C-alpha atoms as a PDB file:
ATOM      1  CA  MET A   1     -29.635 181.704 -24.813  1.00  0.00           C
ATOM      2  CA  LYS A   2     -30.641 177.853 -24.997  1.00  0.00           C
ATOM      3  CA  LEU A   3     -34.480 178.935 -25.135  1.00  0.00           C
ATOM      4  CA  THR A   4     -33.598 181.198 -28.010  1.00  0.00           C
ATOM      5  CA  VAL A   5     -31.942 178.363 -29.874  1.00  0.00           C
ATOM      6  CA  VAL A   6     -34.758 176.036 -29.433  1.00  0.00           C
ATOM      7  CA  ILE A   7     -37.467 178.331 -30.450  1.00  0.00           C
ATOM      8  CA  ALA A   8     -35.468 179.005 -33.695  1.00  0.00           C
ATOM      9  CA  SER A   9     -35.093 175.430 -34.276  1.00  0.00           C
ATOM     10  CA  ILE A  10     -38.781 174.873 -33.839  1.00  0.00           C
ATOM     11  CA  PHE A  11     -39.477 177.554 -36.246  1.00  0.00           C
ATOM     12  CA  LEU A  12     -36.971 176.289 -38.768  1.00  0.00           C
ATOM     13  CA  LEU A  13     -38.745 172.614 -38.690  1.00  0.00           C
ATOM     14  CA  SER A  14     -42.122 174.041 -38.989  1.00  0.00           C
ATOM     15  CA  SER A  15     -40.957 175.794 -42.019  1.00  0.00           C
ATOM     16  CA  ILE A  16     -39.402 172.839 -43.649  1.00  0.00           C
ATOM     17  CA  LEU A  17     -42.520 170.726 -42.952  1.00  0.00           C
ATOM     18  CA  SER A  18     -44.722 173.436 -44.482  1.00  0.00           C
ATOM     19  CA  ASP A  19     -42.575 173.608 -47.597  1.00  0.00           C
ATOM     20  CA  ALA A  20     -42.705 169.934 -48.111  1.00  0.00           C
ATOM     21  CA  LYS A  21     -46.326 169.761 -47.500  1.00  0.00           C
ATOM     22  CA  LYS A  22     -46.869 172.553 -50.183  1.00  0.00           C
ATOM     23  CA  THR A  23     -44.698 170.376 -52.556  1.00  0.00           C
ATOM     24  CA  ASP A  24     -46.811 167.209 -51.978  1.00  0.00           C
ATOM     25  CA  ILE A  25     -49.872 169.414 -52.774  1.00  0.00           C
ATOM     26  CA  VAL A  26     -48.252 170.626 -56.033  1.00  0.00           C
ATOM     27  CA  TRP A  27     -47.398 167.033 -56.928  1.00  0.00           C
ATOM     28  CA  ARG A  28     -50.882 165.473 -56.215  1.00  0.00           C
ATOM     29  CA  LYS A  29     -52.291 168.075 -58.316  1.00  0.00           C
ATOM     30  CA  LEU A  30     -49.809 167.505 -61.190  1.00  0.00           C
ATOM     31  CA  LEU A  31     -50.850 164.017 -61.191  1.00  0.00           C
ATOM     32  CA  LYS A  32     -54.582 164.666 -61.071  1.00  0.00           C
ATOM     33  CA  GLU A  33     -54.277 166.878 -64.132  1.00  0.00           C
ATOM     34  CA  ASN A  34     -51.471 165.343 -66.140  1.00  0.00           C
ATOM     35  CA  ALA A  35     -51.637 161.595 -65.436  1.00  0.00           C
ATOM     36  CA  ASN A  36     -52.278 160.770 -69.112  1.00  0.00           C
ATOM     37  CA  CYS A  37     -49.389 162.570 -70.501  1.00  0.00           C
ATOM     38  CA  VAL A  38     -47.781 159.248 -69.553  1.00  0.00           C
ATOM     39  CA  THR A  39     -48.972 156.342 -71.891  1.00  0.00           C
ATOM     40  CA  TRP A  40     -48.033 152.699 -72.711  1.00  0.00           C
ATOM     41  CA  VAL A  41     -46.778 152.101 -76.227  1.00  0.00           C
ATOM     42  CA  SER A  42     -47.160 148.415 -77.675  1.00  0.00           C
ATOM     43  CA  VAL A  43     -44.918 147.194 -80.496  1.00  0.00           C
ATOM     44  CA  THR A  44     -44.692 143.877 -82.419  1.00  0.00           C
ATOM     45  CA  ALA A  45     -41.217 143.316 -83.748  1.00  0.00           C
ATOM     46  CA  LYS A  46     -40.098 140.817 -86.217  1.00  0.00           C
ATOM     47  CA  VAL A  47     -36.578 139.898 -85.093  1.00  0.00           C
ATOM     48  CA  GLU A  48     -33.817 138.519 -87.623  1.00  0.00           C
ATOM     49  CA  ILE A  49     -30.456 137.273 -86.002  1.00  0.00           C
ATOM     50  CA  SER A  50     -27.209 136.204 -87.914  1.00  0.00           C
ATOM     51  CA  ALA A  51     -24.404 134.744 -86.150  1.00  0.00           C
ATOM     52  CA  GLY A  52     -21.275 132.637 -87.238  1.00  0.00           C
ATOM     53  CA  GLY A  53     -22.324 132.877 -90.885  1.00  0.00           C
ATOM     54  CA  ARG A  54     -26.041 131.439 -90.247  1.00  0.00           C
ATOM     55  CA  SER A  55     -29.397 132.974 -90.150  1.00  0.00           C
ATOM     56  CA  MET A  56     -31.715 131.769 -87.467  1.00  0.00           C
ATOM     57  CA  GLU A  57     -35.472 131.407 -87.923  1.00  0.00           C
ATOM     58  CA  PRO A  58     -37.188 134.895 -87.464  1.00  0.00           C
ATOM     59  CA  LEU A  59     -38.716 135.551 -84.212  1.00  0.00           C
ATOM     60  CA  GLU A  60     -41.718 137.750 -83.313  1.00  0.00           C
ATOM     61  CA  GLN A  61     -41.824 139.759 -80.232  1.00  0.00           C
ATOM     62  CA  LYS A  62     -44.376 141.946 -78.580  1.00  0.00           C
ATOM     63  CA  LEU A  63     -43.076 144.591 -76.195  1.00  0.00           C
ATOM     64  CA  GLU A  64     -44.632 147.415 -74.239  1.00  0.00           C
ATOM     65  CA  ALA A  65     -42.902 150.552 -72.805  1.00  0.00           C
ATOM     66  CA  LEU A  66     -43.932 153.611 -71.320  1.00  0.00           C
ATOM     67  CA  GLY A  67     -43.803 156.837 -73.221  1.00  0.00           C
ATOM     68  CA  THR A  68     -44.314 160.635 -72.536  1.00  0.00           C
ATOM     69  CA  ILE A  69     -46.697 162.512 -74.950  1.00  0.00           C
ATOM     70  CA  ILE A  70     -45.152 165.798 -75.687  1.00  0.00           C
ATOM     71  CA  ASP A  71     -47.404 167.395 -78.382  1.00  0.00           C
ATOM     72  CA  GLU A  72     -51.481 167.679 -78.734  1.00  0.00           C
ATOM     73  CA  ASP A  73     -51.034 165.457 -81.953  1.00  0.00           C
ATOM     74  CA  GLY A  74     -50.005 162.683 -79.866  1.00  0.00           C
ATOM     75  CA  LEU A  75     -46.187 162.712 -80.638  1.00  0.00           C
ATOM     76  CA  THR A  76     -44.785 160.403 -78.002  1.00  0.00           C
ATOM     77  CA  VAL A  77     -41.155 159.987 -76.769  1.00  0.00           C
ATOM     78  CA  LEU A  78     -39.678 156.811 -75.152  1.00  0.00           C
ATOM     79  CA  SER A  79     -36.548 154.858 -74.347  1.00  0.00           C
ATOM     80  CA  LEU A  80     -35.546 152.968 -77.617  1.00  0.00           C
ATOM     81  CA  ASN A  81     -34.108 150.075 -75.509  1.00  0.00           C
ATOM     82  CA  ARG A  82     -37.485 149.219 -74.175  1.00  0.00           C
ATOM     83  CA  VAL A  83     -38.919 148.381 -77.549  1.00  0.00           C
ATOM     84  CA  ASP A  84     -35.881 147.518 -79.479  1.00  0.00           C
ATOM     85  CA  PRO A  85     -34.377 144.040 -78.293  1.00  0.00           C
ATOM     86  CA  THR A  86     -31.205 144.564 -80.458  1.00  0.00           C
ATOM     87  CA  ALA A  87     -28.754 145.409 -77.526  1.00  0.00           C
ATOM     88  CA  ASN A  88     -30.349 142.665 -75.178  1.00  0.00           C
ATOM     89  CA  ILE A  89     -29.817 140.083 -77.806  1.00  0.00           C
ATOM     90  CA  LEU A  90     -26.367 141.022 -78.927  1.00  0.00           C
ATOM     91  CA  SER A  91     -25.234 140.979 -75.202  1.00  0.00           C
ATOM     92  CA  ARG A  92     -26.181 137.213 -75.020  1.00  0.00           C
ATOM     93  CA  LEU A  93     -24.518 136.113 -78.526  1.00  0.00           C
ATOM     94  CA  ARG A  94     -20.930 135.396 -78.283  1.00  0.00           C
ATOM     95  CA  SER A  95     -20.342 135.567 -81.846  1.00  0.00           C
ATOM     96  CA  PRO A  96     -18.430 138.939 -82.654  1.00  0.00           C
ATOM     97  CA  GLY A  97     -19.895 139.330 -86.092  1.00  0.00           C
ATOM     98  CA  ALA A  98     -23.596 138.633 -85.015  1.00  0.00           C
ATOM     99  CA  SER A  99     -26.161 141.034 -86.337  1.00  0.00           C
ATOM    100  CA  VAL A 100     -29.864 141.701 -85.388  1.00  0.00           C
ATOM    101  CA  ASN A 101     -32.332 143.090 -87.850  1.00  0.00           C
ATOM    102  CA  VAL A 102     -35.750 144.360 -86.299  1.00  0.00           C
ATOM    103  CA  ASN A 103     -38.753 145.219 -88.339  1.00  0.00           C
ATOM    104  CA  TYR A 104     -41.987 146.601 -86.712  1.00  0.00           C
ATOM    105  CA  THR A 105     -45.028 145.199 -87.933  1.00  0.00           C
ATOM    106  CA  GLU A 106     -47.515 146.985 -85.356  1.00  0.00           C
ATOM    107  CA  VAL A 107     -46.991 150.033 -83.280  1.00  0.00           C
ATOM    108  CA  PHE A 108     -49.836 151.246 -80.782  1.00  0.00           C
ATOM    109  CA  ILE A 109     -50.341 153.902 -78.539  1.00  0.00           C
ATOM    110  CA  LEU A 110     -52.595 152.581 -75.616  1.00  0.00           C
ATOM    111  CA  MET A 111     -54.888 155.210 -74.409  1.00  0.00           C
ATOM    112  CA  GLN A 112     -55.985 154.982 -70.765  1.00  0.00           C
ATOM    113  CA  ASP A 113     -59.738 154.073 -71.890  1.00  0.00           C
ATOM    114  CA  GLY A 114     -58.406 150.953 -73.698  1.00  0.00           C
ATOM    115  CA  THR A 115     -58.312 152.484 -77.069  1.00  0.00           C
ATOM    116  CA  GLU A 116     -55.420 151.354 -79.391  1.00  0.00           C
ATOM    117  CA  VAL A 117     -54.256 154.117 -81.625  1.00  0.00           C
ATOM    118  CA  PRO A 118     -52.172 152.859 -84.565  1.00  0.00           C
ATOM    119  CA  ALA A 119     -48.900 154.683 -84.823  1.00  0.00           C
ATOM    120  CA  LYS A 120     -45.463 154.952 -86.606  1.00  0.00           C
ATOM    121  CA  PHE A 121     -42.048 155.650 -85.764  1.00  0.00           C
ATOM    122  CA  LEU A 122     -40.500 159.047 -86.666  1.00  0.00           C
ATOM    123  CA  LEU A 123     -37.201 158.576 -85.342  1.00  0.00           C
ATOM    124  CA  LYS A 124     -35.220 155.786 -83.628  1.00  0.00           C
ATOM    125  CA  ASP A 125     -31.985 157.408 -82.174  1.00  0.00           C
ATOM    126  CA  THR A 126     -29.576 154.572 -80.636  1.00  0.00           C
ATOM    127  CA  ASP A 127     -27.134 156.997 -79.618  1.00  0.00           C
ATOM    128  CA  LEU A 128     -29.422 158.902 -77.313  1.00  0.00           C
ATOM    129  CA  ASP A 129     -31.836 155.897 -76.638  1.00  0.00           C
ATOM    130  CA  LEU A 130     -34.713 157.844 -78.002  1.00  0.00           C
ATOM    131  CA  ALA A 131     -37.748 156.880 -79.827  1.00  0.00           C
ATOM    132  CA  TYR A 132     -40.364 159.192 -81.415  1.00  0.00           C
ATOM    133  CA  VAL A 133     -43.924 157.801 -82.243  1.00  0.00           C
ATOM    134  CA  LEU A 134     -46.668 159.516 -83.787  1.00  0.00           C
ATOM    135  CA  PRO A 135     -50.277 158.519 -84.573  1.00  0.00           C
ATOM    136  CA  ASP A 136     -50.658 157.200 -87.983  1.00  0.00           C
ATOM    137  CA  LYS A 137     -53.251 159.373 -89.936  1.00  0.00           C
ATOM    138  CA  ASN A 138     -53.489 156.932 -92.561  1.00  0.00           C
ATOM    139  CA  ASN A 139     -54.867 153.977 -90.188  1.00  0.00           C
ATOM    140  CA  ASN A 140     -56.826 156.277 -87.853  1.00  0.00           C
ATOM    141  CA  SER A 141     -60.232 157.268 -89.170  1.00  0.00           C
ATOM    142  CA  ASP A 142     -61.388 158.476 -85.620  1.00  0.00           C
ATOM    143  CA  LEU A 143     -58.078 160.349 -84.763  1.00  0.00           C
ATOM    144  CA  LYS A 144     -59.961 163.458 -84.678  1.00  0.00           C
ATOM    145  CA  ASN A 145     -61.938 162.413 -81.771  1.00  0.00           C
ATOM    146  CA  ILE A 146     -58.986 161.009 -79.594  1.00  0.00           C
ATOM    147  CA  VAL A 147     -57.571 163.716 -77.035  1.00  0.00           C
ATOM    148  CA  PHE A 148     -53.979 163.413 -76.133  1.00  0.00           C
ATOM    149  CA  SER A 149     -52.987 164.851 -73.000  1.00  0.00           C
ATOM    150  CA  LYS A 150     -49.434 166.438 -73.389  1.00  0.00           C
ATOM    151  CA  VAL A 151     -46.877 166.902 -70.840  1.00  0.00           C
ATOM    152  CA  PRO A 152     -46.797 170.110 -69.083  1.00  0.00           C
ATOM    153  CA  GLU A 153     -44.882 173.186 -69.489  1.00  0.00           C
ATOM    154  CA  MET A 154     -40.961 172.797 -69.072  1.00  0.00           C
ATOM    155  CA  VAL A 155     -38.887 174.502 -66.708  1.00  0.00           C
ATOM    156  CA  ASP A 156     -37.228 177.639 -67.603  1.00  0.00           C
ATOM    157  CA  GLU A 157     -33.636 177.144 -69.039  1.00  0.00           C
ATOM    158  CA  LYS A 158     -32.173 179.415 -66.439  1.00  0.00           C
ATOM    159  CA  LYS A 159     -33.727 177.229 -63.519  1.00  0.00           C
ATOM    160  CA  GLN A 160     -32.085 173.825 -63.894  1.00  0.00           C
ATOM    161  CA  PRO A 161     -32.029 171.253 -60.998  1.00  0.00           C
ATOM    162  CA  LEU A 162     -29.382 171.301 -58.599  1.00  0.00           C
ATOM    163  CA  ILE A 163     -27.809 168.133 -56.615  1.00  0.00           C
ATOM    164  CA  LEU A 164     -30.094 166.901 -53.837  1.00  0.00           C
ATOM    165  CA  ASP A 165     -33.326 168.749 -55.370  1.00  0.00           C
ATOM    166  CA  GLU A 166     -36.184 166.659 -54.855  1.00  0.00           C
ATOM    167  CA  VAL A 167     -38.327 165.674 -58.042  1.00  0.00           C
ATOM    168  CA  VAL A 168     -41.113 163.355 -59.035  1.00  0.00           C
ATOM    169  CA  SER A 169     -41.702 161.209 -62.292  1.00  0.00           C
ATOM    170  CA  ILE A 170     -45.212 160.248 -63.483  1.00  0.00           C
ATOM    171  CA  GLY A 171     -45.779 156.748 -64.600  1.00  0.00           C
ATOM    172  CA  LYS A 172     -48.263 154.034 -64.927  1.00  0.00           C
ATOM    173  CA  LEU A 173     -48.612 150.454 -63.866  1.00  0.00           C
ATOM    174  CA  LYS A 174     -48.774 147.389 -66.038  1.00  0.00           C
ATOM    175  CA  GLN A 175     -52.221 146.025 -67.398  1.00  0.00           C
ATOM    176  CA  THR A 176     -52.370 143.409 -64.509  1.00  0.00           C
ATOM    177  CA  LEU A 177     -52.846 146.602 -62.155  1.00  0.00           C
ATOM    178  CA  TYR A 178     -55.134 148.532 -64.513  1.00  0.00           C
ATOM    179  CA  ARG A 179     -52.576 150.740 -65.880  1.00  0.00           C
ATOM    180  CA  GLN A 180     -53.051 153.073 -62.820  1.00  0.00           C
ATOM    181  CA  SER A 181     -50.828 156.291 -62.833  1.00  0.00           C
ATOM    182  CA  THR A 182     -48.111 156.461 -60.284  1.00  0.00           C
ATOM    183  CA  LEU A 183     -45.953 159.058 -58.674  1.00  0.00           C
ATOM    184  CA  ARG A 184     -42.172 158.241 -57.760  1.00  0.00           C
ATOM    185  CA  LYS A 185     -40.131 160.369 -55.734  1.00  0.00           C
ATOM    186  CA  GLY A 186     -36.541 160.754 -56.209  1.00  0.00           C
ATOM    187  CA  SER A 187     -33.712 163.410 -55.849  1.00  0.00           C
ATOM    188  CA  VAL A 188     -31.058 164.582 -58.192  1.00  0.00           C
ATOM    189  CA  ASN A 189     -27.823 162.780 -57.435  1.00  0.00           C
ATOM    190  CA  ALA A 190     -25.734 164.589 -60.062  1.00  0.00           C
ATOM    191  CA  VAL A 191     -25.848 167.055 -63.115  1.00  0.00           C
ATOM    192  CA  ILE A 192     -23.670 166.083 -65.843  1.00  0.00           C
ATOM    193  CA  GLN A 193     -22.765 169.152 -68.107  1.00  0.00           C
ATOM    194  CA  LYS A 194     -20.347 167.818 -70.819  1.00  0.00           C
ATOM    195  CA  PRO A 195     -20.400 166.410 -73.547  1.00  0.00           C
ATOM    196  CA  ARG A 196     -24.077 166.423 -73.288  1.00  0.00           C
ATOM    197  CA  GLN A 197     -26.371 167.634 -70.286  1.00  0.00           C
ATOM    198  CA  TYR A 198     -27.933 164.779 -68.389  1.00  0.00           C
ATOM    199  CA  PHE A 199     -29.526 164.636 -64.811  1.00  0.00           C
ATOM    200  CA  VAL A 200     -28.880 161.561 -62.650  1.00  0.00           C
ATOM    201  CA  ILE A 201     -32.029 160.855 -60.619  1.00  0.00           C
ATOM    202  CA  GLU A 202     -32.731 158.009 -58.491  1.00  0.00           C
ATOM    203  CA  ASN A 203     -35.716 156.070 -58.505  1.00  0.00           C
ATOM    204  CA  THR A 204     -36.871 156.590 -62.206  1.00  0.00           C
ATOM    205  CA  ILE A 205     -38.097 154.438 -64.932  1.00  0.00           C
ATOM    206  CA  PRO A 206     -37.040 154.976 -68.612  1.00  0.00           C
ATOM    207  CA  GLY A 207     -39.760 156.736 -70.820  1.00  0.00           C
ATOM    208  CA  THR A 208     -41.307 158.742 -67.835  1.00  0.00           C
ATOM    209  CA  PRO A 209     -41.238 162.330 -67.491  1.00  0.00           C
ATOM    210  CA  VAL A 210     -39.550 164.066 -64.466  1.00  0.00           C
ATOM    211  CA  PHE A 211     -40.749 167.257 -62.883  1.00  0.00           C
ATOM    212  CA  ASP A 212     -39.423 169.603 -60.353  1.00  0.00           C
ATOM    213  CA  ARG A 213     -40.991 170.881 -57.070  1.00  0.00           C
ATOM    214  CA  TYR A 214     -42.932 173.437 -58.915  1.00  0.00           C
ATOM    215  CA  GLY A 215     -44.454 170.885 -61.136  1.00  0.00           C
ATOM    216  CA  LYS A 216     -42.120 172.165 -64.159  1.00  0.00           C
ATOM    217  CA  TRP A 217     -40.996 169.387 -66.707  1.00  0.00           C
ATOM    218  CA  LEU A 218     -37.393 168.582 -66.569  1.00  0.00           C
ATOM    219  CA  GLY A 219     -36.968 165.783 -69.017  1.00  0.00           C
ATOM    220  CA  VAL A 220     -37.464 162.167 -69.991  1.00  0.00           C
ATOM    221  CA  VAL A 221     -35.815 159.042 -68.436  1.00  0.00           C
ATOM    222  CA  VAL A 222     -33.537 157.192 -70.985  1.00  0.00           C
ATOM    223  CA  TYR A 223     -30.401 154.955 -70.875  1.00  0.00           C
ATOM    224  CA  LYS A 224     -27.056 156.370 -71.168  1.00  0.00           C
ATOM    225  CA  MET A 225     -25.645 154.567 -74.198  1.00  0.00           C
ATOM    226  CA  VAL A 226     -21.888 153.178 -74.121  1.00  0.00           C
ATOM    227  CA  GLY A 227     -20.633 151.304 -77.090  1.00  0.00           C
ATOM    228  CA  SER A 228     -24.263 150.803 -78.526  1.00  0.00           C
ATOM    229  CA  ARG A 229     -25.387 149.265 -75.135  1.00  0.00           C
ATOM    230  CA  PRO A 230     -27.461 150.745 -72.301  1.00  0.00           C
ATOM    231  CA  SER A 231     -25.600 151.383 -69.129  1.00  0.00           C
ATOM    232  CA  GLU A 232     -26.939 153.948 -66.518  1.00  0.00           C
ATOM    233  CA  ILE A 233     -30.420 155.548 -66.180  1.00  0.00           C
ATOM    234  CA  VAL A 234     -30.261 159.187 -66.926  1.00  0.00           C
ATOM    235  CA  THR A 235     -32.624 161.934 -67.684  1.00  0.00           C
ATOM    236  CA  LEU A 236     -32.382 163.894 -70.821  1.00  0.00           C
ATOM    237  CA  PRO A 237     -33.438 167.594 -70.418  1.00  0.00           C
ATOM    238  CA  ALA A 238     -36.831 168.729 -71.813  1.00  0.00           C
ATOM    239  CA  LEU A 239     -35.189 171.340 -74.192  1.00  0.00           C
ATOM    240  CA  ASP A 240     -33.217 168.441 -75.842  1.00  0.00           C
ATOM    241  CA  ILE A 241     -36.234 166.219 -76.307  1.00  0.00           C
ATOM    242  CA  LEU A 242     -38.224 169.305 -77.853  1.00  0.00           C
ATOM    243  CA  GLU A 243     -35.369 170.321 -80.236  1.00  0.00           C
ATOM    244  CA  ILE A 244     -34.989 166.711 -81.706  1.00  0.00           C
ATOM    245  CA  ALA A 245     -38.583 166.423 -82.032  1.00  0.00           C
ATOM    246  CA  GLU A 246     -38.603 169.718 -84.074  1.00  0.00           C
ATOM    247  CA  GLN A 247     -35.841 168.404 -86.179  1.00  0.00           C
ATOM    248  CA  VAL A 248     -37.837 165.093 -86.891  1.00  0.00           C
ATOM    249  CA  ARG A 249     -40.922 167.185 -87.895  1.00  0.00           C
ATOM    250  CA  THR A 250     -38.945 169.310 -90.505  1.00  0.00           C
ATOM    251  CA  ARG A 251     -37.761 165.895 -92.032  1.00  0.00           C
ATOM    252  CA  GLN A 252     -41.265 164.604 -92.513  1.00  0.00           C
END
């Protein structure tokens, strides 16, 4: 009897290790073939602050954030809070009537080969912490020669992640580390269904895409907004990301 239990345990352990190895192979292939679906976005913003009835001298800030390319025309989605300093500034001001106005003077999608592609904002959604950026055809004479690597196919709507499922997100390091592509392992800690579906996944960075064990796209990491301020880091499902993108395009 004991021998049977031992043999069964060894067989089960071998099966688990085999599955884990297969998943790692899928994820490494995912990174190799789709690393550039994640890109850095650079913005230059002119920030005007008013508080206590007084206007401060305008400030210029240059910010960079990771984004996920969701279409072959270069449409990129990112976390708005990563390129909009409004919430951060207001949290430091003690004046209840303070206001912040942000005007973007430059927006670039930074390609892996060093090319800076001029772009523009199509949408800034403060409630969902989303920003959609599209290459600006009016300022891109060589746009036809640029190839954008869009995010892979999204997961089937009926095969949503479960608690404790292992996942990965693709990212990129900063310029000081040559913007090298990265994989981050995480697991699903919670699935929120109402009032809006979110996945709570550990070890993720806003703006990056998350994938399941089969390499299917689950969503993009953003902040959960509470009272116009970022709180927890969550993953917004891919279906929502694409539906909003479609709505944005119809309004162009």
